[in-house]
Amino acid sequence: MTIEQGAATAAVLQKILNTYNDLHLTLKHVHWNVVGPNFISVHEMIDPQVETVRGYADAVAERIATLGSSPQGTPGALVEQRDWDDYSIGRAGAIEHLAALDTVYVGVISSIRKAAADTEELDDVTNDLLIGHLHEIEQFHWFVRAHLENAGGVLSTEGATTEKGAAKSATS
């Protein structure tokens, strides 16, 4: 791999590091702010997701360092570099948070898939790392969506594009 390819790969990974850091903080926020009848099941479902995503962030940061770049993991760098809004749901019921998390996971999965495509020709190791992460991230998304769909597979959030919109449609 050339120095230029390593730098290009590290730049792609920095976006994913930001995504993972944001996701694990968002998941922890949900863990702390979920209420209602399904509180304990959602509360307990979220913590393993937090730990896994934190581990993925560490793996990505270490890959960036391996490629000769410096991973940016500070809150200021995250806020400055991200291209999405902060999670918009505070203290709320389990279904509202799960509906909002559905939209978060859609964005996260899209970002990882793009990064995997962007690294496919650059670096097999990084591409493999990202594809491996997709397996579990997509499974977490499935866990969330299972609470939002009926027996026919129709999501209560169908057509919603924002966290607040998803939360509202899931409880309507």
N, C-alpha and C. Protein backbone atom coordinates (compact mmCIF):
# COMPACT_ATOMS: atom_id res chain seq x y z
N MET A 1 0.85 -1.17 0.00
CA MET A 1 0.00 0.00 0.00
C MET A 1 0.90 1.24 0.00
N THR A 2 0.54 2.19 -0.83
CA THR A 2 1.32 3.43 -0.87
C THR A 2 0.93 4.34 0.30
N ILE A 3 1.75 5.32 0.55
CA ILE A 3 1.44 6.31 1.60
C ILE A 3 0.13 7.01 1.27
N GLU A 4 -0.08 7.31 0.00
CA GLU A 4 -1.32 7.99 -0.42
C GLU A 4 -2.54 7.10 -0.19
N GLN A 5 -2.40 5.81 -0.50
CA GLN A 5 -3.52 4.88 -0.28
C GLN A 5 -3.80 4.74 1.22
N GLY A 6 -2.75 4.70 2.03
CA GLY A 6 -2.93 4.62 3.48
C GLY A 6 -3.64 5.84 4.02
N ALA A 7 -3.25 7.02 3.52
CA ALA A 7 -3.89 8.26 3.97
C ALA A 7 -5.35 8.31 3.52
N ALA A 8 -5.62 7.87 2.30
CA ALA A 8 -7.01 7.86 1.80
C ALA A 8 -7.87 6.89 2.63
N THR A 9 -7.29 5.73 2.94
CA THR A 9 -8.01 4.75 3.75
C THR A 9 -8.27 5.29 5.15
N ALA A 10 -7.26 5.93 5.73
CA ALA A 10 -7.41 6.52 7.07
C ALA A 10 -8.48 7.60 7.09
N ALA A 11 -8.57 8.38 6.02
CA ALA A 11 -9.61 9.42 5.94
C ALA A 11 -11.00 8.80 5.93
N VAL A 12 -11.16 7.71 5.20
CA VAL A 12 -12.45 7.00 5.19
C VAL A 12 -12.75 6.47 6.59
N LEU A 13 -11.74 5.90 7.22
CA LEU A 13 -11.93 5.33 8.56
C LEU A 13 -12.23 6.39 9.61
N GLN A 14 -11.69 7.60 9.44
CA GLN A 14 -11.97 8.66 10.41
C GLN A 14 -13.46 8.96 10.45
N LYS A 15 -14.10 8.94 9.31
CA LYS A 15 -15.56 9.16 9.28
C LYS A 15 -16.29 8.05 10.03
N ILE A 16 -15.80 6.83 9.88
CA ILE A 16 -16.43 5.71 10.59
C ILE A 16 -16.14 5.79 12.08
N LEU A 17 -14.94 6.21 12.44
CA LEU A 17 -14.64 6.41 13.87
C LEU A 17 -15.59 7.43 14.47
N ASN A 18 -15.83 8.51 13.78
CA ASN A 18 -16.80 9.51 14.25
C ASN A 18 -18.19 8.89 14.37
N THR A 19 -18.57 8.10 13.39
CA THR A 19 -19.88 7.45 13.41
C THR A 19 -20.00 6.52 14.62
N TYR A 20 -18.98 5.72 14.86
CA TYR A 20 -19.02 4.79 15.99
C TYR A 20 -19.03 5.52 17.33
N ASN A 21 -18.21 6.55 17.46
CA ASN A 21 -18.20 7.30 18.71
C ASN A 21 -19.56 7.94 18.96
N ASP A 22 -20.15 8.52 17.93
CA ASP A 22 -21.47 9.11 18.07
C ASP A 22 -22.51 8.03 18.41
N LEU A 23 -22.44 6.89 17.72
CA LEU A 23 -23.42 5.83 17.96
C LEU A 23 -23.33 5.29 19.38
N HIS A 24 -22.13 5.04 19.90
CA HIS A 24 -22.10 4.47 21.26
C HIS A 24 -22.55 5.49 22.29
N LEU A 25 -22.31 6.76 22.07
CA LEU A 25 -22.84 7.78 22.99
C LEU A 25 -24.36 7.89 22.87
N THR A 26 -24.87 7.80 21.66
CA THR A 26 -26.33 7.84 21.45
C THR A 26 -26.99 6.64 22.11
N LEU A 27 -26.42 5.47 21.92
CA LEU A 27 -26.98 4.27 22.55
C LEU A 27 -26.98 4.38 24.07
N LYS A 28 -25.92 4.92 24.63
CA LYS A 28 -25.86 5.09 26.08
C LYS A 28 -26.91 6.11 26.53
N HIS A 29 -27.11 7.16 25.74
CA HIS A 29 -28.15 8.15 26.03
C HIS A 29 -29.53 7.46 26.08
N VAL A 30 -29.80 6.62 25.11
CA VAL A 30 -31.07 5.88 25.10
C VAL A 30 -31.15 5.01 26.35
N HIS A 31 -30.11 4.30 26.67
CA HIS A 31 -30.05 3.43 27.85
C HIS A 31 -30.44 4.21 29.11
N TRP A 32 -29.96 5.43 29.23
CA TRP A 32 -30.24 6.25 30.42
C TRP A 32 -31.62 6.90 30.40
N ASN A 33 -32.21 7.07 29.22
CA ASN A 33 -33.43 7.88 29.10
C ASN A 33 -34.68 7.11 28.70
N VAL A 34 -34.57 5.80 28.55
CA VAL A 34 -35.75 5.02 28.18
C VAL A 34 -36.62 4.80 29.42
N VAL A 35 -37.93 4.90 29.24
CA VAL A 35 -38.90 4.68 30.32
C VAL A 35 -40.07 3.87 29.77
N GLY A 36 -40.94 3.46 30.67
CA GLY A 36 -42.18 2.80 30.25
C GLY A 36 -42.18 1.30 30.46
N PRO A 37 -43.25 0.66 30.00
CA PRO A 37 -43.45 -0.76 30.26
C PRO A 37 -42.34 -1.67 29.73
N ASN A 38 -41.70 -1.28 28.63
CA ASN A 38 -40.63 -2.10 28.06
C ASN A 38 -39.24 -1.62 28.47
N PHE A 39 -39.20 -0.82 29.53
CA PHE A 39 -37.95 -0.23 29.97
C PHE A 39 -36.83 -1.26 30.12
N ILE A 40 -37.04 -2.28 30.94
CA ILE A 40 -35.93 -3.17 31.30
C ILE A 40 -35.43 -3.94 30.08
N SER A 41 -36.31 -4.39 29.22
CA SER A 41 -35.84 -5.15 28.06
C SER A 41 -35.01 -4.28 27.12
N VAL A 42 -35.43 -3.04 26.91
CA VAL A 42 -34.66 -2.15 26.04
C VAL A 42 -33.39 -1.70 26.73
N HIS A 43 -33.50 -1.36 28.00
CA HIS A 43 -32.34 -0.95 28.79
C HIS A 43 -31.24 -2.01 28.71
N GLU A 44 -31.61 -3.27 28.89
CA GLU A 44 -30.64 -4.36 28.87
C GLU A 44 -30.20 -4.73 27.46
N MET A 45 -31.03 -4.50 26.46
CA MET A 45 -30.66 -4.80 25.08
C MET A 45 -29.60 -3.82 24.57
N ILE A 46 -29.63 -2.60 25.08
CA ILE A 46 -28.75 -1.54 24.57
C ILE A 46 -27.31 -1.69 25.04
N ASP A 47 -27.08 -2.08 26.28
CA ASP A 47 -25.70 -2.13 26.80
C ASP A 47 -24.74 -3.00 25.98
N PRO A 48 -25.14 -4.21 25.55
CA PRO A 48 -24.20 -4.97 24.72
C PRO A 48 -23.90 -4.27 23.38
N GLN A 49 -24.87 -3.53 22.88
CA GLN A 49 -24.64 -2.77 21.66
C GLN A 49 -23.60 -1.68 21.91
N VAL A 50 -23.73 -0.99 23.05
CA VAL A 50 -22.77 0.05 23.40
C VAL A 50 -21.36 -0.54 23.45
N GLU A 51 -21.20 -1.63 24.15
CA GLU A 51 -19.87 -2.24 24.31
C GLU A 51 -19.28 -2.70 22.98
N THR A 52 -20.10 -3.28 22.14
CA THR A 52 -19.62 -3.73 20.84
C THR A 52 -19.18 -2.55 19.98
N VAL A 53 -19.99 -1.51 19.95
CA VAL A 53 -19.66 -0.34 19.13
C VAL A 53 -18.42 0.36 19.67
N ARG A 54 -18.27 0.42 20.99
CA ARG A 54 -17.03 0.99 21.57
C ARG A 54 -15.81 0.19 21.11
N GLY A 55 -15.95 -1.12 21.09
CA GLY A 55 -14.87 -1.98 20.61
C GLY A 55 -14.56 -1.74 19.14
N TYR A 56 -15.60 -1.53 18.35
CA TYR A 56 -15.40 -1.24 16.92
C TYR A 56 -14.68 0.09 16.75
N ALA A 57 -15.03 1.08 17.56
CA ALA A 57 -14.35 2.38 17.49
C ALA A 57 -12.87 2.20 17.79
N ASP A 58 -12.55 1.40 18.78
CA ASP A 58 -11.16 1.16 19.13
C ASP A 58 -10.43 0.47 17.98
N ALA A 59 -11.06 -0.53 17.37
CA ALA A 59 -10.44 -1.25 16.25
C ALA A 59 -10.18 -0.30 15.07
N VAL A 60 -11.13 0.56 14.79
CA VAL A 60 -10.98 1.51 13.69
C VAL A 60 -9.87 2.51 14.00
N ALA A 61 -9.84 3.02 15.23
CA ALA A 61 -8.79 3.97 15.61
C ALA A 61 -7.41 3.32 15.50
N GLU A 62 -7.31 2.08 15.92
CA GLU A 62 -6.03 1.39 15.83
C GLU A 62 -5.64 1.12 14.38
N ARG A 63 -6.62 0.88 13.52
CA ARG A 63 -6.32 0.69 12.10
C ARG A 63 -5.82 2.00 11.50
N ILE A 64 -6.43 3.12 11.88
CA ILE A 64 -5.97 4.43 11.40
C ILE A 64 -4.51 4.64 11.81
N ALA A 65 -4.18 4.32 13.06
CA ALA A 65 -2.80 4.47 13.54
C ALA A 65 -1.86 3.52 12.79
N THR A 66 -2.32 2.30 12.54
CA THR A 66 -1.51 1.33 11.79
C THR A 66 -1.18 1.85 10.40
N LEU A 67 -2.11 2.60 9.82
CA LEU A 67 -1.91 3.15 8.48
C LEU A 67 -1.03 4.40 8.49
N GLY A 68 -0.58 4.81 9.67
CA GLY A 68 0.34 5.94 9.77
C GLY A 68 -0.31 7.28 9.99
N SER A 69 -1.61 7.27 10.28
CA SER A 69 -2.33 8.52 10.55
C SER A 69 -2.67 8.60 12.03
N SER A 70 -3.18 9.73 12.44
CA SER A 70 -3.54 9.95 13.84
C SER A 70 -5.06 9.98 13.98
N PRO A 71 -5.65 9.00 14.67
CA PRO A 71 -7.10 9.01 14.85
C PRO A 71 -7.52 10.20 15.71
N GLN A 72 -8.58 10.84 15.30
CA GLN A 72 -9.15 11.99 16.03
C GLN A 72 -10.34 11.49 16.84
N GLY A 73 -10.19 11.41 18.15
CA GLY A 73 -11.25 10.88 18.99
C GLY A 73 -11.80 11.85 20.01
N THR A 74 -11.46 13.12 19.88
CA THR A 74 -11.94 14.08 20.87
C THR A 74 -13.37 14.52 20.56
N PRO A 75 -14.13 14.94 21.57
CA PRO A 75 -15.49 15.41 21.32
C PRO A 75 -15.53 16.56 20.30
N GLY A 76 -14.59 17.49 20.41
CA GLY A 76 -14.57 18.61 19.48
C GLY A 76 -14.39 18.17 18.04
N ALA A 77 -13.49 17.22 17.82
CA ALA A 77 -13.26 16.71 16.46
C ALA A 77 -14.51 16.01 15.95
N LEU A 78 -15.15 15.24 16.81
CA LEU A 78 -16.37 14.54 16.41
C LEU A 78 -17.44 15.53 15.96
N VAL A 79 -17.70 16.53 16.79
CA VAL A 79 -18.74 17.52 16.47
C VAL A 79 -18.38 18.30 15.21
N GLU A 80 -17.11 18.69 15.10
CA GLU A 80 -16.67 19.48 13.95
C GLU A 80 -16.76 18.70 12.64
N GLN A 81 -16.46 17.41 12.68
CA GLN A 81 -16.35 16.63 11.46
C GLN A 81 -17.64 15.91 11.05
N ARG A 82 -18.57 15.76 11.95
CA ARG A 82 -19.76 14.98 11.58
C ARG A 82 -20.69 15.78 10.68
N ASP A 83 -21.48 15.05 9.91
CA ASP A 83 -22.40 15.70 8.99
C ASP A 83 -23.86 15.32 9.29
N TRP A 84 -24.15 15.04 10.54
CA TRP A 84 -25.50 14.72 10.97
C TRP A 84 -25.80 15.49 12.25
N ASP A 85 -27.09 15.58 12.55
CA ASP A 85 -27.53 16.29 13.75
C ASP A 85 -27.43 15.38 14.97
N ASP A 86 -27.41 16.01 16.14
CA ASP A 86 -27.40 15.29 17.39
C ASP A 86 -28.70 14.51 17.56
N TYR A 87 -28.66 13.43 18.30
CA TYR A 87 -29.85 12.62 18.59
C TYR A 87 -30.89 13.51 19.25
N SER A 88 -32.13 13.40 18.81
CA SER A 88 -33.13 14.40 19.16
C SER A 88 -34.18 13.97 20.19
N ILE A 89 -34.06 12.79 20.76
CA ILE A 89 -35.07 12.30 21.70
C ILE A 89 -34.47 12.27 23.10
N GLY A 90 -35.17 12.85 24.07
CA GLY A 90 -34.72 12.82 25.46
C GLY A 90 -35.41 11.68 26.20
N ARG A 91 -35.89 11.96 27.39
CA ARG A 91 -36.60 10.96 28.18
C ARG A 91 -37.89 10.60 27.44
N ALA A 92 -38.01 9.31 27.09
CA ALA A 92 -39.17 8.88 26.29
C ALA A 92 -39.37 7.38 26.45
N GLY A 93 -40.51 6.94 25.97
CA GLY A 93 -40.85 5.52 26.04
C GLY A 93 -39.97 4.68 25.13
N ALA A 94 -39.96 3.39 25.41
CA ALA A 94 -39.11 2.45 24.67
C ALA A 94 -39.40 2.49 23.17
N ILE A 95 -40.65 2.47 22.79
CA ILE A 95 -40.99 2.44 21.37
C ILE A 95 -40.54 3.72 20.67
N GLU A 96 -40.67 4.85 21.33
CA GLU A 96 -40.20 6.10 20.72
C GLU A 96 -38.69 6.06 20.49
N HIS A 97 -37.95 5.60 21.49
CA HIS A 97 -36.49 5.52 21.33
C HIS A 97 -36.12 4.49 20.26
N LEU A 98 -36.79 3.36 20.25
CA LEU A 98 -36.46 2.34 19.25
C LEU A 98 -36.77 2.84 17.84
N ALA A 99 -37.86 3.57 17.70
CA ALA A 99 -38.19 4.14 16.39
C ALA A 99 -37.12 5.14 15.95
N ALA A 100 -36.68 5.97 16.87
CA ALA A 100 -35.62 6.92 16.55
C ALA A 100 -34.31 6.19 16.24
N LEU A 101 -34.00 5.14 17.01
CA LEU A 101 -32.78 4.37 16.76
C LEU A 101 -32.83 3.66 15.41
N ASP A 102 -34.02 3.31 14.96
CA ASP A 102 -34.15 2.71 13.63
C ASP A 102 -33.56 3.65 12.58
N THR A 103 -33.91 4.93 12.67
CA THR A 103 -33.38 5.89 11.70
C THR A 103 -31.87 6.09 11.88
N VAL A 104 -31.40 6.04 13.12
CA VAL A 104 -29.96 6.15 13.38
C VAL A 104 -29.23 4.98 12.74
N TYR A 105 -29.72 3.77 12.97
CA TYR A 105 -29.06 2.59 12.41
C TYR A 105 -29.08 2.60 10.88
N VAL A 106 -30.15 3.07 10.28
CA VAL A 106 -30.18 3.17 8.82
C VAL A 106 -29.02 4.05 8.33
N GLY A 107 -28.81 5.18 8.99
CA GLY A 107 -27.71 6.07 8.61
C GLY A 107 -26.35 5.46 8.86
N VAL A 108 -26.19 4.80 10.00
CA VAL A 108 -24.91 4.18 10.35
C VAL A 108 -24.57 3.07 9.35
N ILE A 109 -25.52 2.22 9.06
CA ILE A 109 -25.29 1.12 8.12
C ILE A 109 -24.95 1.66 6.74
N SER A 110 -25.64 2.69 6.32
CA SER A 110 -25.34 3.32 5.03
C SER A 110 -23.91 3.84 5.00
N SER A 111 -23.48 4.48 6.09
CA SER A 111 -22.11 5.01 6.18
C SER A 111 -21.07 3.90 6.13
N ILE A 112 -21.32 2.81 6.85
CA ILE A 112 -20.36 1.70 6.85
C ILE A 112 -20.30 1.05 5.47
N ARG A 113 -21.45 0.86 4.85
CA ARG A 113 -21.46 0.27 3.51
C ARG A 113 -20.71 1.14 2.50
N LYS A 114 -20.87 2.45 2.61
CA LYS A 114 -20.15 3.36 1.72
C LYS A 114 -18.65 3.27 1.98
N ALA A 115 -18.26 3.24 3.25
CA ALA A 115 -16.84 3.13 3.59
C ALA A 115 -16.27 1.80 3.10
N ALA A 116 -17.04 0.73 3.21
CA ALA A 116 -16.58 -0.57 2.71
C ALA A 116 -16.38 -0.50 1.20
N ALA A 117 -17.30 0.11 0.50
CA ALA A 117 -17.17 0.26 -0.96
C ALA A 117 -15.96 1.14 -1.30
N ASP A 118 -15.76 2.20 -0.53
CA ASP A 118 -14.65 3.11 -0.78
C ASP A 118 -13.29 2.47 -0.52
N THR A 119 -13.24 1.46 0.34
CA THR A 119 -11.97 0.82 0.66
C THR A 119 -11.76 -0.50 -0.08
N GLU A 120 -12.74 -0.90 -0.85
CA GLU A 120 -12.66 -2.19 -1.54
C GLU A 120 -11.41 -2.30 -2.42
N GLU A 121 -11.09 -1.25 -3.13
CA GLU A 121 -9.91 -1.25 -4.00
C GLU A 121 -8.66 -0.75 -3.29
N LEU A 122 -8.82 -0.03 -2.17
CA LEU A 122 -7.68 0.55 -1.46
C LEU A 122 -6.97 -0.43 -0.54
N ASP A 123 -7.77 -1.18 0.24
CA ASP A 123 -7.15 -1.96 1.32
C ASP A 123 -8.06 -3.09 1.74
N ASP A 124 -7.66 -4.32 1.43
CA ASP A 124 -8.46 -5.50 1.77
C ASP A 124 -8.65 -5.65 3.28
N VAL A 125 -7.64 -5.32 4.06
CA VAL A 125 -7.73 -5.49 5.52
C VAL A 125 -8.80 -4.56 6.09
N THR A 126 -8.77 -3.30 5.69
CA THR A 126 -9.77 -2.35 6.16
C THR A 126 -11.15 -2.73 5.66
N ASN A 127 -11.25 -3.12 4.41
CA ASN A 127 -12.53 -3.53 3.85
C ASN A 127 -13.10 -4.71 4.64
N ASP A 128 -12.26 -5.68 4.95
CA ASP A 128 -12.68 -6.85 5.72
C ASP A 128 -13.14 -6.44 7.12
N LEU A 129 -12.41 -5.52 7.75
CA LEU A 129 -12.78 -5.02 9.07
C LEU A 129 -14.19 -4.43 9.04
N LEU A 130 -14.45 -3.58 8.07
CA LEU A 130 -15.75 -2.91 7.97
C LEU A 130 -16.87 -3.89 7.67
N ILE A 131 -16.63 -4.83 6.78
CA ILE A 131 -17.65 -5.82 6.45
C ILE A 131 -17.96 -6.68 7.68
N GLY A 132 -16.92 -7.01 8.44
CA GLY A 132 -17.14 -7.76 9.68
C GLY A 132 -18.00 -6.99 10.67
N HIS A 133 -17.81 -5.70 10.76
CA HIS A 133 -18.62 -4.87 11.66
C HIS A 133 -20.07 -4.84 11.20
N LEU A 134 -20.28 -4.84 9.91
CA LEU A 134 -21.65 -4.77 9.39
C LEU A 134 -22.52 -5.92 9.89
N HIS A 135 -21.95 -7.09 10.01
CA HIS A 135 -22.73 -8.24 10.46
C HIS A 135 -23.45 -7.95 11.77
N GLU A 136 -22.71 -7.49 12.76
CA GLU A 136 -23.30 -7.26 14.08
C GLU A 136 -24.14 -5.98 14.12
N ILE A 137 -23.70 -4.94 13.44
CA ILE A 137 -24.47 -3.69 13.41
C ILE A 137 -25.84 -3.95 12.78
N GLU A 138 -25.87 -4.71 11.69
CA GLU A 138 -27.15 -5.03 11.06
C GLU A 138 -28.01 -5.90 11.96
N GLN A 139 -27.38 -6.77 12.72
CA GLN A 139 -28.15 -7.58 13.68
C GLN A 139 -28.75 -6.70 14.77
N PHE A 140 -27.98 -5.73 15.28
CA PHE A 140 -28.52 -4.79 16.27
C PHE A 140 -29.71 -4.04 15.68
N HIS A 141 -29.60 -3.64 14.43
CA HIS A 141 -30.69 -2.94 13.76
C HIS A 141 -31.92 -3.84 13.71
N TRP A 142 -31.73 -5.09 13.42
CA TRP A 142 -32.83 -6.05 13.38
C TRP A 142 -33.48 -6.16 14.76
N PHE A 143 -32.67 -6.21 15.83
CA PHE A 143 -33.23 -6.26 17.19
C PHE A 143 -34.14 -5.06 17.44
N VAL A 144 -33.71 -3.89 17.01
CA VAL A 144 -34.49 -2.67 17.18
C VAL A 144 -35.77 -2.75 16.36
N ARG A 145 -35.63 -3.11 15.09
CA ARG A 145 -36.79 -3.15 14.20
C ARG A 145 -37.83 -4.19 14.62
N ALA A 146 -37.40 -5.26 15.24
CA ALA A 146 -38.34 -6.30 15.66
C ALA A 146 -39.42 -5.75 16.59
N HIS A 147 -39.10 -4.69 17.31
CA HIS A 147 -40.07 -4.05 18.21
C HIS A 147 -41.03 -3.14 17.45
N LEU A 148 -40.72 -2.83 16.21
CA LEU A 148 -41.47 -1.83 15.46
C LEU A 148 -42.32 -2.40 14.33
N GLU A 149 -42.25 -3.70 14.12
CA GLU A 149 -43.00 -4.27 12.99
C GLU A 149 -44.09 -5.20 13.46
N ASN A 150 -45.10 -5.31 12.62
CA ASN A 150 -46.18 -6.24 12.93
C ASN A 150 -45.84 -7.61 12.34
N ALA A 151 -46.73 -8.58 12.53
CA ALA A 151 -46.48 -9.94 12.07
C ALA A 151 -46.30 -10.01 10.55
N GLY A 152 -46.86 -9.05 9.84
CA GLY A 152 -46.72 -9.01 8.38
C GLY A 152 -45.44 -8.33 7.92
N GLY A 153 -44.63 -7.86 8.87
CA GLY A 153 -43.36 -7.23 8.52
C GLY A 153 -43.47 -5.75 8.21
N VAL A 154 -44.61 -5.14 8.47
CA VAL A 154 -44.78 -3.72 8.21
C VAL A 154 -44.29 -2.92 9.42
N LEU A 155 -43.39 -1.98 9.16
CA LEU A 155 -42.85 -1.15 10.22
C LEU A 155 -43.83 -0.06 10.62
N SER A 156 -43.94 0.18 11.90
CA SER A 156 -44.79 1.27 12.39
C SER A 156 -44.21 2.63 12.02
N THR A 157 -42.96 2.65 11.62
CA THR A 157 -42.27 3.89 11.26
C THR A 157 -42.18 4.08 9.74
N GLU A 158 -42.89 3.26 8.99
CA GLU A 158 -42.82 3.30 7.53
C GLU A 158 -42.95 4.73 7.01
N GLY A 159 -41.99 5.16 6.23
CA GLY A 159 -42.02 6.48 5.61
C GLY A 159 -41.41 7.59 6.44
N ALA A 160 -41.12 7.33 7.71
CA ALA A 160 -40.52 8.36 8.55
C ALA A 160 -39.05 8.55 8.17
N THR A 161 -38.61 9.81 8.16
CA THR A 161 -37.23 10.10 7.76
C THR A 161 -36.42 10.78 8.86
N THR A 162 -37.07 11.17 9.93
CA THR A 162 -36.37 11.81 11.04
C THR A 162 -36.61 11.02 12.32
N GLU A 163 -35.75 11.23 13.29
CA GLU A 163 -35.92 10.54 14.57
C GLU A 163 -37.25 10.90 15.22
N LYS A 164 -37.54 12.20 15.27
CA LYS A 164 -38.80 12.62 15.90
C LYS A 164 -40.00 12.15 15.11
N GLY A 165 -39.90 12.17 13.80
CA GLY A 165 -40.99 11.67 12.95
C GLY A 165 -41.21 10.18 13.15
N ALA A 166 -40.13 9.43 13.25
CA ALA A 166 -40.23 7.98 13.50
C ALA A 166 -40.84 7.72 14.86
N ALA A 167 -40.39 8.45 15.88
CA ALA A 167 -40.92 8.27 17.24
C ALA A 167 -42.42 8.55 17.28
N LYS A 168 -42.83 9.59 16.56
CA LYS A 168 -44.25 9.96 16.55
C LYS A 168 -45.07 8.91 15.81
N SER A 169 -44.60 8.46 14.65
CA SER A 169 -45.39 7.49 13.87
C SER A 169 -45.44 6.14 14.56
N ALA A 170 -44.43 5.79 15.34
CA ALA A 170 -44.44 4.49 16.03
C ALA A 170 -45.43 4.47 17.19
N THR A 171 -45.80 5.63 17.68
CA THR A 171 -46.73 5.68 18.81
C THR A 171 -48.12 6.18 18.41
N SER A 172 -48.33 6.37 17.13
CA SER A 172 -49.64 6.85 16.66
C SER A 172 -50.60 5.71 16.42
